[in-house]
Amino acid sequence: MRIYYPTLVNNDDRLLREIKKYLPDLYKNLMRMYEYIGTEKEEEIINEEYSKIDGISIDFGVMQRTHRAVVLETSFDWDDIGSFVSLERFLNHDENSNIVTGCKAGLLDVYNTMILGDKRLISAIGLKDMLIVDTEDALLICPKDRCQQIKELVKDLYKKDEFERFM
């Protein structure tokens, strides 16, 4: 596969300067995070600032707008892993097209389901085309075709004080 990959030229901090120019709110978020790296408040501030980021990709926010980029021709396989569904292409499937990683799973009549666990046994009956993500303090279950709404759900949870300890 031949890919034309845009890259910024001139100086190591060029990308950061272009973010400042084209995505000033993101730049402010990044600078606030940077300010707290290595401190006891690092995780808290990163989570706080990350929740404020609107999620525009660097491709759309900077690379398609800047005049300080060049395009290099290259040849390699490329996949933009931006969702759980796209991640599936890189994980091992069982005979029913299920993916189980990070845990043990007992499955009965379960098909095309992705299960990402932490430690616990996860058991399921009669599921198809689902995503299950089990971490130490949270469990997500949703149809794969609604995975893009996870970000929306997380933003809603951030707004509620009762869920603060999970964010």
N, C-alpha and C. Protein backbone atom coordinates (compact mmCIF):
# COMPACT_ATOMS: atom_id res chain seq x y z
N MET A 1 0.84 -1.18 0.00
CA MET A 1 0.00 0.00 0.00
C MET A 1 0.89 1.24 0.00
N ARG A 2 0.66 2.15 -0.89
CA ARG A 2 1.42 3.38 -0.96
C ARG A 2 0.64 4.47 -0.24
N ILE A 3 1.30 5.15 0.68
CA ILE A 3 0.66 6.17 1.49
C ILE A 3 1.42 7.47 1.34
N TYR A 4 0.69 8.55 1.30
CA TYR A 4 1.30 9.86 1.31
C TYR A 4 1.06 10.45 2.69
N TYR A 5 2.12 10.60 3.43
CA TYR A 5 2.03 10.98 4.84
C TYR A 5 2.53 12.40 5.04
N PRO A 6 1.66 13.29 5.52
CA PRO A 6 2.11 14.66 5.75
C PRO A 6 2.93 14.75 7.03
N THR A 7 3.96 15.54 6.99
CA THR A 7 4.77 15.75 8.18
C THR A 7 5.18 17.21 8.25
N LEU A 8 5.32 17.71 9.46
CA LEU A 8 5.73 19.09 9.65
C LEU A 8 7.24 19.20 9.52
N VAL A 9 7.70 20.32 9.00
CA VAL A 9 9.13 20.53 8.81
C VAL A 9 9.62 21.73 9.61
N ASN A 10 10.91 21.76 9.86
CA ASN A 10 11.59 22.86 10.54
C ASN A 10 11.30 22.88 12.04
N ASN A 11 12.24 22.43 12.81
CA ASN A 11 12.24 22.54 14.27
C ASN A 11 11.44 21.44 14.96
N ASP A 12 11.95 21.01 16.08
CA ASP A 12 11.32 19.95 16.86
C ASP A 12 9.99 20.36 17.46
N ASP A 13 9.82 21.63 17.77
CA ASP A 13 8.59 22.07 18.42
C ASP A 13 7.57 22.63 17.43
N ARG A 14 7.76 22.37 16.15
CA ARG A 14 6.86 22.91 15.13
C ARG A 14 5.42 22.46 15.36
N LEU A 15 5.20 21.20 15.66
CA LEU A 15 3.84 20.71 15.87
C LEU A 15 3.17 21.47 17.01
N LEU A 16 3.88 21.66 18.08
CA LEU A 16 3.32 22.38 19.22
C LEU A 16 2.98 23.83 18.84
N ARG A 17 3.83 24.45 18.07
CA ARG A 17 3.54 25.83 17.63
C ARG A 17 2.34 25.88 16.68
N GLU A 18 2.19 24.85 15.85
CA GLU A 18 1.04 24.81 14.94
C GLU A 18 -0.25 24.54 15.73
N ILE A 19 -0.17 23.70 16.76
CA ILE A 19 -1.33 23.49 17.63
C ILE A 19 -1.72 24.80 18.29
N LYS A 20 -0.73 25.54 18.77
CA LYS A 20 -1.01 26.84 19.41
C LYS A 20 -1.72 27.77 18.43
N LYS A 21 -1.31 27.74 17.18
CA LYS A 21 -1.90 28.63 16.17
C LYS A 21 -3.31 28.20 15.76
N TYR A 22 -3.50 26.90 15.49
CA TYR A 22 -4.76 26.43 14.92
C TYR A 22 -5.75 25.83 15.93
N LEU A 23 -5.22 25.38 17.05
CA LEU A 23 -6.07 24.79 18.09
C LEU A 23 -5.68 25.37 19.46
N PRO A 24 -5.92 26.65 19.66
CA PRO A 24 -5.43 27.31 20.88
C PRO A 24 -5.99 26.72 22.17
N ASP A 25 -7.21 26.24 22.16
CA ASP A 25 -7.76 25.63 23.38
C ASP A 25 -7.02 24.34 23.73
N LEU A 26 -6.73 23.53 22.72
CA LEU A 26 -5.96 22.31 22.94
C LEU A 26 -4.57 22.66 23.48
N TYR A 27 -3.96 23.67 22.92
CA TYR A 27 -2.64 24.11 23.38
C TYR A 27 -2.67 24.47 24.86
N LYS A 28 -3.69 25.19 25.28
CA LYS A 28 -3.82 25.55 26.71
C LYS A 28 -3.96 24.31 27.58
N ASN A 29 -4.78 23.34 27.10
CA ASN A 29 -4.92 22.08 27.84
C ASN A 29 -3.58 21.36 27.97
N LEU A 30 -2.85 21.27 26.88
CA LEU A 30 -1.56 20.58 26.88
C LEU A 30 -0.55 21.28 27.79
N MET A 31 -0.53 22.59 27.76
CA MET A 31 0.42 23.33 28.59
C MET A 31 0.11 23.17 30.07
N ARG A 32 -1.18 23.13 30.40
CA ARG A 32 -1.54 22.94 31.81
C ARG A 32 -1.14 21.53 32.26
N MET A 33 -1.34 20.53 31.40
CA MET A 33 -0.91 19.18 31.73
C MET A 33 0.61 19.13 31.93
N TYR A 34 1.32 19.75 31.02
CA TYR A 34 2.78 19.75 31.06
C TYR A 34 3.29 20.37 32.36
N GLU A 35 2.62 21.39 32.80
CA GLU A 35 3.00 22.10 34.02
C GLU A 35 2.98 21.19 35.25
N TYR A 36 2.13 20.17 35.24
CA TYR A 36 1.97 19.31 36.41
C TYR A 36 2.64 17.94 36.27
N ILE A 37 3.34 17.70 35.18
CA ILE A 37 4.03 16.41 35.02
C ILE A 37 5.08 16.28 36.10
N GLY A 38 5.06 15.11 36.76
CA GLY A 38 6.02 14.85 37.82
C GLY A 38 5.60 15.33 39.19
N THR A 39 4.42 15.92 39.29
CA THR A 39 3.93 16.38 40.59
C THR A 39 2.88 15.42 41.12
N GLU A 40 2.50 15.59 42.36
CA GLU A 40 1.47 14.71 42.94
C GLU A 40 0.10 14.96 42.34
N LYS A 41 -0.09 16.10 41.67
CA LYS A 41 -1.38 16.40 41.05
C LYS A 41 -1.41 16.05 39.56
N GLU A 42 -0.35 15.41 39.07
CA GLU A 42 -0.25 15.10 37.63
C GLU A 42 -1.48 14.37 37.11
N GLU A 43 -1.85 13.25 37.70
CA GLU A 43 -2.97 12.47 37.20
C GLU A 43 -4.28 13.25 37.26
N GLU A 44 -4.50 13.95 38.35
CA GLU A 44 -5.73 14.74 38.51
C GLU A 44 -5.84 15.81 37.43
N ILE A 45 -4.77 16.55 37.19
CA ILE A 45 -4.79 17.64 36.20
C ILE A 45 -4.91 17.07 34.79
N ILE A 46 -4.21 16.00 34.49
CA ILE A 46 -4.31 15.40 33.16
C ILE A 46 -5.74 14.96 32.90
N ASN A 47 -6.35 14.29 33.86
CA ASN A 47 -7.75 13.85 33.69
C ASN A 47 -8.68 15.05 33.52
N GLU A 48 -8.47 16.08 34.30
CA GLU A 48 -9.30 17.29 34.22
C GLU A 48 -9.17 17.96 32.85
N GLU A 49 -7.95 18.15 32.40
CA GLU A 49 -7.72 18.82 31.12
C GLU A 49 -8.15 17.95 29.95
N TYR A 50 -7.90 16.66 30.04
CA TYR A 50 -8.28 15.75 28.96
C TYR A 50 -9.79 15.78 28.73
N SER A 51 -10.54 15.89 29.80
CA SER A 51 -12.00 15.91 29.66
C SER A 51 -12.49 17.16 28.94
N LYS A 52 -11.68 18.19 28.88
CA LYS A 52 -12.05 19.45 28.22
C LYS A 52 -11.74 19.45 26.71
N ILE A 53 -10.91 18.51 26.28
CA ILE A 53 -10.48 18.48 24.88
C ILE A 53 -11.62 18.03 23.99
N ASP A 54 -11.87 18.77 22.91
CA ASP A 54 -13.03 18.48 22.06
C ASP A 54 -12.82 17.29 21.13
N GLY A 55 -11.62 16.82 20.98
CA GLY A 55 -11.39 15.58 20.25
C GLY A 55 -11.14 15.72 18.77
N ILE A 56 -10.92 16.91 18.26
CA ILE A 56 -10.59 17.05 16.85
C ILE A 56 -9.22 16.42 16.61
N SER A 57 -9.08 15.71 15.52
CA SER A 57 -7.81 15.06 15.24
C SER A 57 -6.78 16.09 14.78
N ILE A 58 -5.52 15.75 14.98
CA ILE A 58 -4.43 16.61 14.53
C ILE A 58 -4.49 16.75 13.01
N ASP A 59 -4.90 15.69 12.32
CA ASP A 59 -5.02 15.75 10.86
C ASP A 59 -5.94 16.90 10.44
N PHE A 60 -7.13 16.94 11.03
CA PHE A 60 -8.09 17.97 10.65
C PHE A 60 -7.75 19.33 11.26
N GLY A 61 -7.32 19.32 12.51
CA GLY A 61 -7.09 20.57 13.22
C GLY A 61 -5.84 21.31 12.80
N VAL A 62 -4.81 20.57 12.43
CA VAL A 62 -3.53 21.22 12.11
C VAL A 62 -3.05 20.87 10.69
N MET A 63 -2.89 19.57 10.41
CA MET A 63 -2.22 19.17 9.17
C MET A 63 -2.91 19.65 7.90
N GLN A 64 -4.23 19.73 7.92
CA GLN A 64 -4.93 20.19 6.73
C GLN A 64 -4.98 21.71 6.63
N ARG A 65 -4.50 22.40 7.65
CA ARG A 65 -4.57 23.86 7.66
C ARG A 65 -3.20 24.52 7.54
N THR A 66 -2.17 23.84 8.01
CA THR A 66 -0.85 24.45 8.06
C THR A 66 -0.23 24.57 6.67
N HIS A 67 0.64 25.53 6.54
CA HIS A 67 1.43 25.69 5.31
C HIS A 67 2.87 25.25 5.56
N ARG A 68 3.09 24.69 6.72
CA ARG A 68 4.44 24.26 7.10
C ARG A 68 4.55 22.74 7.15
N ALA A 69 3.87 22.07 6.24
CA ALA A 69 3.93 20.62 6.17
C ALA A 69 4.35 20.19 4.78
N VAL A 70 4.96 19.05 4.72
CA VAL A 70 5.29 18.44 3.43
C VAL A 70 4.66 17.06 3.42
N VAL A 71 4.52 16.51 2.24
CA VAL A 71 3.96 15.17 2.11
C VAL A 71 5.06 14.26 1.60
N LEU A 72 5.27 13.17 2.32
CA LEU A 72 6.29 12.20 1.95
C LEU A 72 5.62 10.94 1.45
N GLU A 73 6.11 10.42 0.34
CA GLU A 73 5.59 9.15 -0.17
C GLU A 73 6.29 8.03 0.57
N THR A 74 5.51 7.08 1.03
CA THR A 74 6.07 5.95 1.75
C THR A 74 5.24 4.71 1.46
N SER A 75 5.75 3.58 1.86
CA SER A 75 5.03 2.34 1.58
C SER A 75 5.05 1.47 2.83
N PHE A 76 3.91 1.36 3.51
CA PHE A 76 3.75 0.47 4.65
C PHE A 76 2.27 0.32 4.93
N ASP A 77 1.93 -0.72 5.67
CA ASP A 77 0.53 -0.91 6.05
C ASP A 77 0.17 0.10 7.11
N TRP A 78 -1.02 0.63 7.03
CA TRP A 78 -1.47 1.67 7.96
C TRP A 78 -2.88 1.38 8.41
N ASP A 79 -3.11 1.60 9.68
CA ASP A 79 -4.45 1.50 10.22
C ASP A 79 -4.53 2.47 11.38
N ASP A 80 -5.50 3.32 11.35
CA ASP A 80 -5.70 4.32 12.39
C ASP A 80 -6.56 3.69 13.49
N ILE A 81 -5.92 3.24 14.56
CA ILE A 81 -6.65 2.57 15.63
C ILE A 81 -7.28 3.65 16.50
N GLY A 82 -8.48 4.05 16.12
CA GLY A 82 -9.18 5.11 16.83
C GLY A 82 -10.41 4.64 17.56
N SER A 83 -10.67 3.34 17.54
CA SER A 83 -11.86 2.83 18.22
C SER A 83 -11.63 1.37 18.60
N PHE A 84 -12.48 0.87 19.48
CA PHE A 84 -12.40 -0.54 19.84
C PHE A 84 -12.61 -1.43 18.62
N VAL A 85 -13.52 -1.02 17.76
CA VAL A 85 -13.82 -1.82 16.58
C VAL A 85 -12.61 -1.91 15.66
N SER A 86 -11.88 -0.83 15.47
CA SER A 86 -10.70 -0.91 14.62
C SER A 86 -9.58 -1.70 15.29
N LEU A 87 -9.55 -1.72 16.62
CA LEU A 87 -8.56 -2.51 17.35
C LEU A 87 -8.73 -4.00 17.09
N GLU A 88 -9.95 -4.42 16.82
CA GLU A 88 -10.25 -5.84 16.58
C GLU A 88 -9.37 -6.48 15.52
N ARG A 89 -9.01 -5.72 14.53
CA ARG A 89 -8.22 -6.28 13.43
C ARG A 89 -6.86 -6.79 13.88
N PHE A 90 -6.41 -6.35 15.05
CA PHE A 90 -5.07 -6.70 15.51
C PHE A 90 -5.07 -7.73 16.64
N LEU A 91 -6.23 -8.17 17.06
CA LEU A 91 -6.32 -9.12 18.16
C LEU A 91 -6.80 -10.48 17.66
N ASN A 92 -6.44 -11.53 18.40
CA ASN A 92 -6.81 -12.89 18.02
C ASN A 92 -8.28 -13.16 18.29
N HIS A 93 -8.92 -13.81 17.33
CA HIS A 93 -10.33 -14.19 17.41
C HIS A 93 -10.44 -15.69 17.67
N ASP A 94 -11.49 -16.10 18.35
CA ASP A 94 -11.74 -17.53 18.50
C ASP A 94 -12.63 -18.01 17.35
N GLU A 95 -13.08 -19.24 17.43
CA GLU A 95 -13.87 -19.83 16.34
C GLU A 95 -15.23 -19.16 16.14
N ASN A 96 -15.69 -18.38 17.13
CA ASN A 96 -16.96 -17.66 17.01
C ASN A 96 -16.74 -16.16 16.77
N SER A 97 -15.54 -15.79 16.35
CA SER A 97 -15.15 -14.40 16.09
C SER A 97 -15.16 -13.54 17.34
N ASN A 98 -15.01 -14.17 18.51
CA ASN A 98 -14.90 -13.42 19.76
C ASN A 98 -13.45 -13.11 20.04
N ILE A 99 -13.23 -12.01 20.74
CA ILE A 99 -11.90 -11.63 21.21
C ILE A 99 -11.99 -11.57 22.72
N VAL A 100 -11.09 -12.27 23.39
CA VAL A 100 -11.00 -12.23 24.85
C VAL A 100 -9.56 -11.94 25.19
N THR A 101 -9.32 -10.85 25.90
CA THR A 101 -7.95 -10.49 26.27
C THR A 101 -7.92 -9.93 27.69
N GLY A 102 -6.89 -10.32 28.44
CA GLY A 102 -6.69 -9.81 29.79
C GLY A 102 -7.47 -10.54 30.86
N CYS A 103 -8.23 -11.54 30.49
CA CYS A 103 -9.07 -12.24 31.47
C CYS A 103 -9.43 -13.62 30.94
N LYS A 104 -10.13 -14.36 31.74
CA LYS A 104 -10.73 -15.63 31.31
C LYS A 104 -12.21 -15.36 31.07
N ALA A 105 -12.79 -16.08 30.11
CA ALA A 105 -14.20 -15.87 29.81
C ALA A 105 -14.90 -17.21 29.60
N GLY A 106 -16.08 -17.31 30.19
CA GLY A 106 -16.95 -18.45 29.95
C GLY A 106 -18.09 -17.98 29.06
N LEU A 107 -18.14 -18.48 27.85
CA LEU A 107 -19.09 -17.98 26.86
C LEU A 107 -19.98 -19.09 26.34
N LEU A 108 -21.27 -18.79 26.25
CA LEU A 108 -22.23 -19.72 25.69
C LEU A 108 -23.08 -18.96 24.67
N ASP A 109 -23.05 -19.41 23.45
CA ASP A 109 -23.78 -18.74 22.36
C ASP A 109 -23.43 -17.26 22.26
N VAL A 110 -22.15 -16.98 22.26
CA VAL A 110 -21.65 -15.60 22.15
C VAL A 110 -20.85 -15.52 20.86
N TYR A 111 -21.16 -14.48 20.05
CA TYR A 111 -20.55 -14.34 18.74
C TYR A 111 -20.10 -12.91 18.48
N ASN A 112 -18.97 -12.79 17.82
CA ASN A 112 -18.46 -11.49 17.38
C ASN A 112 -18.47 -10.46 18.51
N THR A 113 -18.04 -10.89 19.67
CA THR A 113 -18.03 -10.03 20.85
C THR A 113 -16.59 -9.83 21.31
N MET A 114 -16.28 -8.61 21.73
CA MET A 114 -14.95 -8.26 22.19
C MET A 114 -14.99 -8.08 23.70
N ILE A 115 -14.15 -8.83 24.40
CA ILE A 115 -14.11 -8.77 25.86
C ILE A 115 -12.69 -8.41 26.28
N LEU A 116 -12.56 -7.25 26.89
CA LEU A 116 -11.28 -6.78 27.41
C LEU A 116 -11.41 -6.76 28.92
N GLY A 117 -10.67 -7.63 29.59
CA GLY A 117 -10.81 -7.75 31.02
C GLY A 117 -9.59 -7.27 31.76
N ASP A 118 -9.74 -7.28 33.07
CA ASP A 118 -8.64 -6.87 33.93
C ASP A 118 -8.14 -8.09 34.70
N LYS A 119 -9.00 -8.70 35.50
CA LYS A 119 -8.60 -9.85 36.30
C LYS A 119 -9.71 -10.89 36.42
N ARG A 120 -10.92 -10.44 36.50
CA ARG A 120 -12.04 -11.32 36.83
C ARG A 120 -12.43 -12.23 35.67
N LEU A 121 -13.08 -13.32 36.03
CA LEU A 121 -13.72 -14.16 35.05
C LEU A 121 -14.94 -13.41 34.53
N ILE A 122 -15.12 -13.39 33.22
CA ILE A 122 -16.30 -12.77 32.62
C ILE A 122 -17.09 -13.86 31.92
N SER A 123 -18.34 -13.98 32.29
CA SER A 123 -19.22 -14.98 31.69
C SER A 123 -20.35 -14.28 30.96
N ALA A 124 -20.75 -14.84 29.82
CA ALA A 124 -21.83 -14.24 29.03
C ALA A 124 -22.59 -15.33 28.30
N ILE A 125 -23.88 -15.08 28.12
CA ILE A 125 -24.75 -16.01 27.41
C ILE A 125 -25.56 -15.22 26.38
N GLY A 126 -25.59 -15.73 25.16
CA GLY A 126 -26.49 -15.20 24.14
C GLY A 126 -26.20 -13.79 23.67
N LEU A 127 -24.95 -13.46 23.53
CA LEU A 127 -24.59 -12.12 23.05
C LEU A 127 -24.08 -12.19 21.62
N LYS A 128 -24.29 -11.09 20.91
CA LYS A 128 -23.76 -10.98 19.55
C LYS A 128 -23.39 -9.52 19.30
N ASP A 129 -22.21 -9.31 18.73
CA ASP A 129 -21.76 -7.97 18.33
C ASP A 129 -21.71 -6.99 19.50
N MET A 130 -21.13 -7.42 20.61
CA MET A 130 -21.06 -6.59 21.80
C MET A 130 -19.61 -6.27 22.16
N LEU A 131 -19.45 -5.23 22.98
CA LEU A 131 -18.16 -4.85 23.55
C LEU A 131 -18.33 -4.88 25.06
N ILE A 132 -17.41 -5.57 25.74
CA ILE A 132 -17.38 -5.61 27.20
C ILE A 132 -15.99 -5.22 27.63
N VAL A 133 -15.88 -4.17 28.44
CA VAL A 133 -14.59 -3.73 28.96
C VAL A 133 -14.72 -3.71 30.48
N ASP A 134 -13.92 -4.54 31.14
CA ASP A 134 -13.96 -4.68 32.59
C ASP A 134 -12.62 -4.24 33.16
N THR A 135 -12.65 -3.19 33.98
CA THR A 135 -11.44 -2.72 34.64
C THR A 135 -11.61 -2.88 36.14
N GLU A 136 -10.63 -2.46 36.88
CA GLU A 136 -10.67 -2.62 38.34
C GLU A 136 -11.89 -1.95 38.97
N ASP A 137 -12.29 -0.80 38.43
CA ASP A 137 -13.38 -0.06 39.08
C ASP A 137 -14.55 0.30 38.18
N ALA A 138 -14.57 -0.24 36.96
CA ALA A 138 -15.68 0.11 36.06
C ALA A 138 -15.92 -1.02 35.07
N LEU A 139 -17.16 -1.10 34.62
CA LEU A 139 -17.56 -2.10 33.63
C LEU A 139 -18.36 -1.40 32.54
N LEU A 140 -17.97 -1.62 31.29
CA LEU A 140 -18.69 -1.05 30.15
C LEU A 140 -19.23 -2.21 29.31
N ILE A 141 -20.49 -2.11 28.97
CA ILE A 141 -21.13 -3.08 28.08
C ILE A 141 -21.92 -2.28 27.05
N CYS A 142 -21.62 -2.50 25.76
CA CYS A 142 -22.38 -1.79 24.73
C CYS A 142 -22.32 -2.55 23.41
N PRO A 143 -23.31 -2.32 22.57
CA PRO A 143 -23.24 -2.91 21.21
C PRO A 143 -22.07 -2.28 20.45
N LYS A 144 -21.38 -3.08 19.68
CA LYS A 144 -20.24 -2.57 18.93
C LYS A 144 -20.62 -1.40 18.03
N ASP A 145 -21.80 -1.44 17.47
CA ASP A 145 -22.18 -0.37 16.54
C ASP A 145 -22.45 0.96 17.25
N ARG A 146 -22.33 1.00 18.56
CA ARG A 146 -22.50 2.25 19.32
C ARG A 146 -21.21 2.65 20.05
N CYS A 147 -20.10 2.01 19.72
CA CYS A 147 -18.83 2.29 20.40
C CYS A 147 -18.40 3.75 20.27
N GLN A 148 -18.76 4.39 19.18
CA GLN A 148 -18.37 5.79 19.01
C GLN A 148 -19.02 6.70 20.04
N GLN A 149 -20.06 6.22 20.71
CA GLN A 149 -20.74 7.03 21.71
C GLN A 149 -20.09 6.94 23.08
N ILE A 150 -19.04 6.14 23.23
CA ILE A 150 -18.36 6.02 24.52
C ILE A 150 -17.84 7.37 24.97
N LYS A 151 -17.27 8.11 24.05
CA LYS A 151 -16.74 9.43 24.40
C LYS A 151 -17.85 10.34 24.95
N GLU A 152 -19.01 10.29 24.34
CA GLU A 152 -20.16 11.06 24.79
C GLU A 152 -20.57 10.64 26.21
N LEU A 153 -20.59 9.35 26.46
CA LEU A 153 -20.92 8.83 27.78
C LEU A 153 -19.92 9.31 28.83
N VAL A 154 -18.64 9.23 28.50
CA VAL A 154 -17.60 9.66 29.43
C VAL A 154 -17.74 11.15 29.75
N LYS A 155 -18.03 11.96 28.75
CA LYS A 155 -18.24 13.39 29.01
C LYS A 155 -19.41 13.62 29.96
N ASP A 156 -20.48 12.87 29.77
CA ASP A 156 -21.63 12.98 30.67
C ASP A 156 -21.26 12.57 32.09
N LEU A 157 -20.49 11.50 32.23
CA LEU A 157 -20.08 11.03 33.55
C LEU A 157 -19.19 12.04 34.25
N TYR A 158 -18.31 12.71 33.50
CA TYR A 158 -17.43 13.73 34.06
C TYR A 158 -18.22 14.86 34.71
N LYS A 159 -19.40 15.13 34.20
CA LYS A 159 -20.22 16.23 34.70
C LYS A 159 -20.88 15.92 36.04
N LYS A 160 -20.91 14.65 36.44
CA LYS A 160 -21.62 14.25 37.65
C LYS A 160 -20.63 13.95 38.77
N ASP A 161 -20.76 14.66 39.87
CA ASP A 161 -19.84 14.49 40.99
C ASP A 161 -19.79 13.05 41.52
N GLU A 162 -20.91 12.34 41.47
CA GLU A 162 -20.97 10.99 42.01
C GLU A 162 -20.07 10.02 41.26
N PHE A 163 -19.63 10.36 40.05
CA PHE A 163 -18.77 9.48 39.26
C PHE A 163 -17.32 9.95 39.23
N GLU A 164 -16.99 11.00 39.96
CA GLU A 164 -15.66 11.60 39.91
C GLU A 164 -14.56 10.59 40.21
N ARG A 165 -14.78 9.72 41.17
CA ARG A 165 -13.73 8.77 41.55
C ARG A 165 -13.40 7.73 40.47
N PHE A 166 -14.28 7.61 39.47
CA PHE A 166 -14.05 6.67 38.39
C PHE A 166 -13.34 7.29 37.18
N MET A 167 -13.24 8.59 37.16
CA MET A 167 -12.69 9.27 36.00
C MET A 167 -11.23 9.42 36.14
